[in-house]
N, C-alpha and C. Protein backbone atom coordinates (compact mmCIF):
# COMPACT_ATOMS: atom_id res chain seq x y z
N ILE A 1 -4.44 6.47 -9.39
CA ILE A 1 -5.23 5.31 -9.10
C ILE A 1 -6.55 5.48 -9.82
N ILE A 2 -6.85 4.55 -10.64
CA ILE A 2 -8.14 4.61 -11.32
C ILE A 2 -9.19 4.21 -10.30
N GLY A 3 -10.21 5.01 -10.19
CA GLY A 3 -11.21 4.78 -9.17
C GLY A 3 -10.97 5.67 -7.96
N MET A 4 -9.83 6.29 -7.90
CA MET A 4 -9.48 7.29 -6.89
C MET A 4 -9.64 6.81 -5.45
N THR A 5 -9.31 5.58 -5.18
CA THR A 5 -9.34 5.11 -3.80
C THR A 5 -8.18 4.16 -3.57
N ALA A 6 -7.67 4.18 -2.39
CA ALA A 6 -6.61 3.25 -2.00
C ALA A 6 -7.00 2.53 -0.72
N SER A 7 -8.28 2.56 -0.38
CA SER A 7 -8.71 1.98 0.89
C SER A 7 -8.47 0.49 0.95
N SER A 8 -8.71 -0.23 -0.14
CA SER A 8 -8.47 -1.68 -0.13
C SER A 8 -7.00 -1.98 0.09
N GLU A 9 -6.14 -1.26 -0.62
CA GLU A 9 -4.71 -1.48 -0.49
C GLU A 9 -4.23 -1.14 0.92
N ALA A 10 -4.74 -0.06 1.48
CA ALA A 10 -4.35 0.35 2.83
C ALA A 10 -4.77 -0.70 3.85
N ARG A 11 -5.97 -1.23 3.70
CA ARG A 11 -6.46 -2.25 4.63
C ARG A 11 -5.60 -3.52 4.54
N LEU A 12 -5.29 -3.95 3.33
CA LEU A 12 -4.47 -5.14 3.16
C LEU A 12 -3.05 -4.93 3.69
N ALA A 13 -2.50 -3.75 3.48
CA ALA A 13 -1.17 -3.45 4.01
C ALA A 13 -1.18 -3.49 5.53
N ARG A 14 -2.24 -2.97 6.13
CA ARG A 14 -2.37 -2.98 7.59
C ARG A 14 -2.40 -4.42 8.11
N GLU A 15 -3.18 -5.28 7.44
CA GLU A 15 -3.25 -6.68 7.85
C GLU A 15 -1.90 -7.37 7.73
N ALA A 16 -1.12 -6.98 6.75
CA ALA A 16 0.20 -7.58 6.54
C ALA A 16 1.29 -6.86 7.32
N GLU A 17 0.89 -5.89 8.13
CA GLU A 17 1.80 -5.10 8.97
C GLU A 17 2.87 -4.38 8.15
N LEU A 18 2.43 -3.85 7.02
CA LEU A 18 3.32 -3.08 6.16
C LEU A 18 2.99 -1.60 6.27
N SER A 19 3.99 -0.77 6.34
CA SER A 19 3.74 0.66 6.24
C SER A 19 3.26 0.93 4.82
N PHE A 20 2.36 1.86 4.66
CA PHE A 20 1.74 2.09 3.36
C PHE A 20 1.62 3.57 3.10
N ALA A 21 1.94 3.97 1.90
CA ALA A 21 1.72 5.34 1.47
C ALA A 21 1.23 5.29 0.02
N CYS A 22 0.41 6.21 -0.31
CA CYS A 22 -0.12 6.29 -1.67
C CYS A 22 0.44 7.55 -2.32
N VAL A 23 0.95 7.40 -3.52
CA VAL A 23 1.44 8.53 -4.28
C VAL A 23 0.53 8.69 -5.49
N GLY A 24 -0.09 9.84 -5.59
CA GLY A 24 -0.99 10.08 -6.70
C GLY A 24 -0.43 11.12 -7.65
N LEU A 25 -0.50 10.83 -8.93
CA LEU A 25 -0.06 11.77 -9.96
C LEU A 25 -1.25 12.07 -10.86
N ILE A 26 -1.52 13.33 -11.04
CA ILE A 26 -2.70 13.79 -11.79
C ILE A 26 -2.48 13.63 -13.29
N THR A 27 -3.52 13.17 -13.99
CA THR A 27 -3.43 13.10 -15.45
C THR A 27 -4.29 14.16 -16.12
N ASP A 28 -5.42 14.53 -15.50
CA ASP A 28 -6.28 15.53 -16.11
C ASP A 28 -7.21 16.11 -15.05
N TYR A 29 -7.87 17.20 -15.41
CA TYR A 29 -8.73 17.92 -14.47
C TYR A 29 -10.18 17.97 -14.96
N ASP A 30 -10.54 17.21 -15.94
CA ASP A 30 -11.85 17.37 -16.56
C ASP A 30 -13.02 17.08 -15.63
N ALA A 31 -12.80 16.33 -14.56
CA ALA A 31 -13.91 15.97 -13.69
C ALA A 31 -14.34 17.12 -12.78
N TRP A 32 -13.47 18.07 -12.53
CA TRP A 32 -13.84 19.11 -11.55
C TRP A 32 -13.40 20.51 -11.92
N ARG A 33 -12.81 20.68 -13.09
CA ARG A 33 -12.42 22.03 -13.52
C ARG A 33 -13.05 22.30 -14.88
N PRO A 34 -14.27 22.76 -14.89
CA PRO A 34 -14.99 22.92 -16.16
C PRO A 34 -14.31 23.90 -17.12
N HIS A 35 -13.51 24.81 -16.62
CA HIS A 35 -12.86 25.78 -17.50
C HIS A 35 -11.65 25.20 -18.23
N GLU A 36 -11.24 23.99 -17.86
CA GLU A 36 -10.14 23.33 -18.58
C GLU A 36 -10.65 22.85 -19.94
N GLY A 37 -9.74 22.74 -20.87
CA GLY A 37 -10.11 22.27 -22.20
C GLY A 37 -10.49 20.80 -22.18
N SER A 38 -10.95 20.33 -23.31
CA SER A 38 -11.33 18.92 -23.43
C SER A 38 -10.11 18.02 -23.24
N VAL A 39 -10.37 16.87 -22.68
CA VAL A 39 -9.30 15.90 -22.45
C VAL A 39 -9.31 14.89 -23.59
N THR A 40 -8.13 14.64 -24.13
CA THR A 40 -8.00 13.65 -25.19
C THR A 40 -7.06 12.54 -24.71
N SER A 41 -7.13 11.42 -25.38
CA SER A 41 -6.23 10.33 -25.01
C SER A 41 -4.78 10.77 -25.22
N GLY A 42 -4.54 11.57 -26.22
CA GLY A 42 -3.18 12.06 -26.47
C GLY A 42 -2.67 12.94 -25.34
N SER A 43 -3.53 13.82 -24.83
CA SER A 43 -3.10 14.70 -23.73
C SER A 43 -2.86 13.89 -22.46
N ILE A 44 -3.68 12.89 -22.21
CA ILE A 44 -3.48 12.04 -21.03
C ILE A 44 -2.18 11.24 -21.16
N LEU A 45 -1.93 10.68 -22.34
CA LEU A 45 -0.69 9.91 -22.54
C LEU A 45 0.55 10.78 -22.37
N LYS A 46 0.47 12.02 -22.83
CA LYS A 46 1.59 12.95 -22.66
C LYS A 46 1.89 13.16 -21.18
N VAL A 47 0.84 13.40 -20.39
CA VAL A 47 1.02 13.61 -18.95
C VAL A 47 1.46 12.32 -18.27
N LEU A 48 0.92 11.17 -18.67
CA LEU A 48 1.34 9.89 -18.10
C LEU A 48 2.83 9.65 -18.33
N ASN A 49 3.30 9.95 -19.51
CA ASN A 49 4.74 9.78 -19.79
C ASN A 49 5.58 10.70 -18.90
N LYS A 50 5.14 11.93 -18.73
CA LYS A 50 5.85 12.87 -17.85
C LYS A 50 5.81 12.37 -16.41
N ASN A 51 4.63 11.91 -15.98
CA ASN A 51 4.48 11.41 -14.62
C ASN A 51 5.32 10.17 -14.36
N SER A 52 5.53 9.35 -15.36
CA SER A 52 6.33 8.14 -15.15
C SER A 52 7.76 8.51 -14.75
N GLY A 53 8.27 9.61 -15.28
CA GLY A 53 9.58 10.10 -14.87
C GLY A 53 9.58 10.55 -13.41
N TYR A 54 8.50 11.25 -13.02
CA TYR A 54 8.38 11.66 -11.62
C TYR A 54 8.29 10.45 -10.69
N ALA A 55 7.50 9.45 -11.09
CA ALA A 55 7.33 8.25 -10.27
C ALA A 55 8.64 7.49 -10.14
N GLN A 56 9.39 7.40 -11.22
CA GLN A 56 10.67 6.70 -11.16
C GLN A 56 11.65 7.44 -10.26
N ALA A 57 11.72 8.75 -10.37
CA ALA A 57 12.62 9.54 -9.52
C ALA A 57 12.20 9.41 -8.05
N PHE A 58 10.90 9.42 -7.80
CA PHE A 58 10.40 9.27 -6.44
C PHE A 58 10.79 7.90 -5.87
N ALA A 59 10.57 6.84 -6.65
CA ALA A 59 10.90 5.49 -6.19
C ALA A 59 12.40 5.35 -5.92
N GLU A 60 13.23 5.90 -6.78
CA GLU A 60 14.67 5.83 -6.57
C GLU A 60 15.08 6.54 -5.29
N GLU A 61 14.53 7.70 -5.03
CA GLU A 61 14.86 8.44 -3.82
C GLU A 61 14.32 7.73 -2.58
N LEU A 62 13.13 7.19 -2.67
CA LEU A 62 12.55 6.44 -1.56
C LEU A 62 13.41 5.23 -1.20
N ILE A 63 13.82 4.48 -2.20
CA ILE A 63 14.67 3.31 -1.96
C ILE A 63 16.00 3.73 -1.36
N ARG A 64 16.55 4.82 -1.85
CA ARG A 64 17.82 5.31 -1.30
C ARG A 64 17.67 5.66 0.19
N GLN A 65 16.61 6.39 0.51
CA GLN A 65 16.42 6.81 1.90
C GLN A 65 16.07 5.64 2.81
N LEU A 66 15.22 4.74 2.36
CA LEU A 66 14.85 3.60 3.19
C LEU A 66 16.04 2.68 3.42
N GLY A 67 16.94 2.61 2.48
CA GLY A 67 18.12 1.78 2.62
C GLY A 67 19.11 2.30 3.65
N GLN A 68 18.98 3.56 4.03
CA GLN A 68 19.92 4.16 4.97
C GLN A 68 19.61 3.83 6.42
N ASP A 69 18.35 3.52 6.72
CA ASP A 69 17.97 3.39 8.12
C ASP A 69 16.85 2.38 8.26
N GLN A 70 17.01 1.46 9.19
CA GLN A 70 15.92 0.55 9.54
C GLN A 70 15.11 1.23 10.63
N PHE A 71 13.83 1.29 10.47
CA PHE A 71 13.00 1.98 11.45
C PHE A 71 11.88 1.06 11.92
N GLU A 72 11.42 1.33 13.09
CA GLU A 72 10.27 0.61 13.64
C GLU A 72 9.07 1.53 13.54
N SER A 73 7.98 0.94 13.20
CA SER A 73 6.73 1.68 13.08
C SER A 73 5.64 0.91 13.80
N PRO A 74 4.65 1.61 14.35
CA PRO A 74 3.51 0.90 14.94
C PRO A 74 2.82 -0.02 13.93
N HIS A 75 2.95 0.30 12.64
CA HIS A 75 2.35 -0.55 11.61
C HIS A 75 2.95 -1.94 11.60
N HIS A 76 4.18 -2.07 12.03
CA HIS A 76 4.87 -3.35 11.97
C HIS A 76 4.37 -4.35 13.01
N SER A 77 3.53 -3.91 13.92
CA SER A 77 2.93 -4.84 14.90
C SER A 77 1.43 -4.56 15.04
N ALA A 78 0.81 -4.18 13.96
CA ALA A 78 -0.60 -3.78 13.99
C ALA A 78 -1.54 -4.91 14.40
N MET A 79 -1.17 -6.16 14.14
CA MET A 79 -2.06 -7.26 14.46
C MET A 79 -1.91 -7.77 15.89
N ARG A 80 -0.96 -7.24 16.61
CA ARG A 80 -0.73 -7.72 17.97
C ARG A 80 -2.02 -7.76 18.78
N ARG A 81 -2.81 -6.72 18.68
CA ARG A 81 -4.08 -6.67 19.42
C ARG A 81 -5.28 -6.97 18.52
N GLY A 82 -5.01 -7.30 17.27
CA GLY A 82 -6.10 -7.54 16.33
C GLY A 82 -6.53 -8.99 16.21
N ILE A 83 -5.77 -9.91 16.76
CA ILE A 83 -6.14 -11.32 16.69
C ILE A 83 -7.06 -11.63 17.87
N CYS A 84 -8.31 -11.89 17.56
CA CYS A 84 -9.31 -12.14 18.61
C CYS A 84 -9.67 -13.62 18.71
N SER A 85 -9.31 -14.39 17.71
CA SER A 85 -9.66 -15.81 17.69
C SER A 85 -8.84 -16.58 18.70
N ASN A 86 -9.42 -17.66 19.20
CA ASN A 86 -8.68 -18.58 20.04
C ASN A 86 -7.83 -19.44 19.12
N LEU A 87 -6.56 -19.12 19.01
CA LEU A 87 -5.68 -19.81 18.07
C LEU A 87 -5.56 -21.29 18.38
N ALA A 88 -5.72 -21.67 19.64
CA ALA A 88 -5.63 -23.09 20.01
C ALA A 88 -6.79 -23.88 19.41
N ALA A 89 -7.88 -23.21 19.07
CA ALA A 89 -9.05 -23.89 18.51
C ALA A 89 -8.95 -24.08 17.00
N LEU A 90 -7.95 -23.49 16.38
CA LEU A 90 -7.81 -23.60 14.92
C LEU A 90 -7.13 -24.92 14.55
N SER A 91 -7.55 -25.45 13.42
CA SER A 91 -6.94 -26.69 12.94
C SER A 91 -5.51 -26.42 12.49
N GLU A 92 -4.73 -27.46 12.42
CA GLU A 92 -3.35 -27.32 11.94
C GLU A 92 -3.32 -26.80 10.50
N ALA A 93 -4.29 -27.23 9.70
CA ALA A 93 -4.35 -26.77 8.31
C ALA A 93 -4.59 -25.26 8.25
N ARG A 94 -5.51 -24.79 9.08
CA ARG A 94 -5.80 -23.35 9.09
C ARG A 94 -4.62 -22.56 9.63
N LEU A 95 -3.97 -23.07 10.68
CA LEU A 95 -2.78 -22.40 11.20
C LEU A 95 -1.68 -22.32 10.15
N ALA A 96 -1.55 -23.39 9.38
CA ALA A 96 -0.54 -23.39 8.31
C ALA A 96 -0.83 -22.30 7.28
N GLU A 97 -2.12 -22.08 6.98
CA GLU A 97 -2.50 -21.02 6.04
C GLU A 97 -2.19 -19.64 6.60
N LEU A 98 -2.40 -19.47 7.89
CA LEU A 98 -2.21 -18.17 8.53
C LEU A 98 -0.78 -17.90 8.97
N ARG A 99 0.02 -18.93 9.09
CA ARG A 99 1.37 -18.80 9.63
C ARG A 99 2.20 -17.68 8.99
N PRO A 100 2.17 -17.50 7.67
CA PRO A 100 3.00 -16.43 7.09
C PRO A 100 2.72 -15.03 7.65
N ILE A 101 1.49 -14.78 8.08
CA ILE A 101 1.18 -13.43 8.56
C ILE A 101 1.04 -13.32 10.07
N ILE A 102 0.91 -14.45 10.77
CA ILE A 102 0.74 -14.36 12.23
C ILE A 102 1.79 -15.13 13.02
N GLU A 103 2.79 -15.67 12.35
CA GLU A 103 3.75 -16.53 13.04
C GLU A 103 4.37 -15.90 14.27
N LYS A 104 4.70 -14.62 14.18
CA LYS A 104 5.36 -13.99 15.33
C LYS A 104 4.43 -13.87 16.54
N TYR A 105 3.12 -14.09 16.35
CA TYR A 105 2.17 -14.02 17.45
C TYR A 105 1.77 -15.39 17.98
N LEU A 106 2.26 -16.44 17.35
CA LEU A 106 1.96 -17.79 17.82
C LEU A 106 2.88 -18.11 18.98
N LYS A 107 2.30 -18.62 20.05
CA LYS A 107 3.11 -18.99 21.20
C LYS A 107 3.88 -20.25 20.87
N ARG A 108 5.14 -20.23 21.16
CA ARG A 108 5.99 -21.39 20.90
C ARG A 108 6.22 -22.13 22.20
N PRO A 109 6.19 -23.47 22.13
CA PRO A 109 6.42 -24.25 23.36
C PRO A 109 7.82 -24.11 23.88
């Protein structure tokens, strides 16, 4: 991750009630290992190409394992206690905008 943070993605995943994990693959050590040699675009591209194989193998294994079992996670209902607004006070237009992410929490007549 360029910028070395996944906090925005984690927050958005939480709001969407998605389980979230970040997988980081190192390209170089120049920021914190002064004894390492100079970093060149060629050396970074070499490592990126190698890492792409690792990422693909990881994704394939993850998909295989997730396909074997449906699981429930607390993340899947994270907004249950997070909605503080009086939904009855929202306009129909606003409810329509929010429906994709809060529909299961809307009381049905």
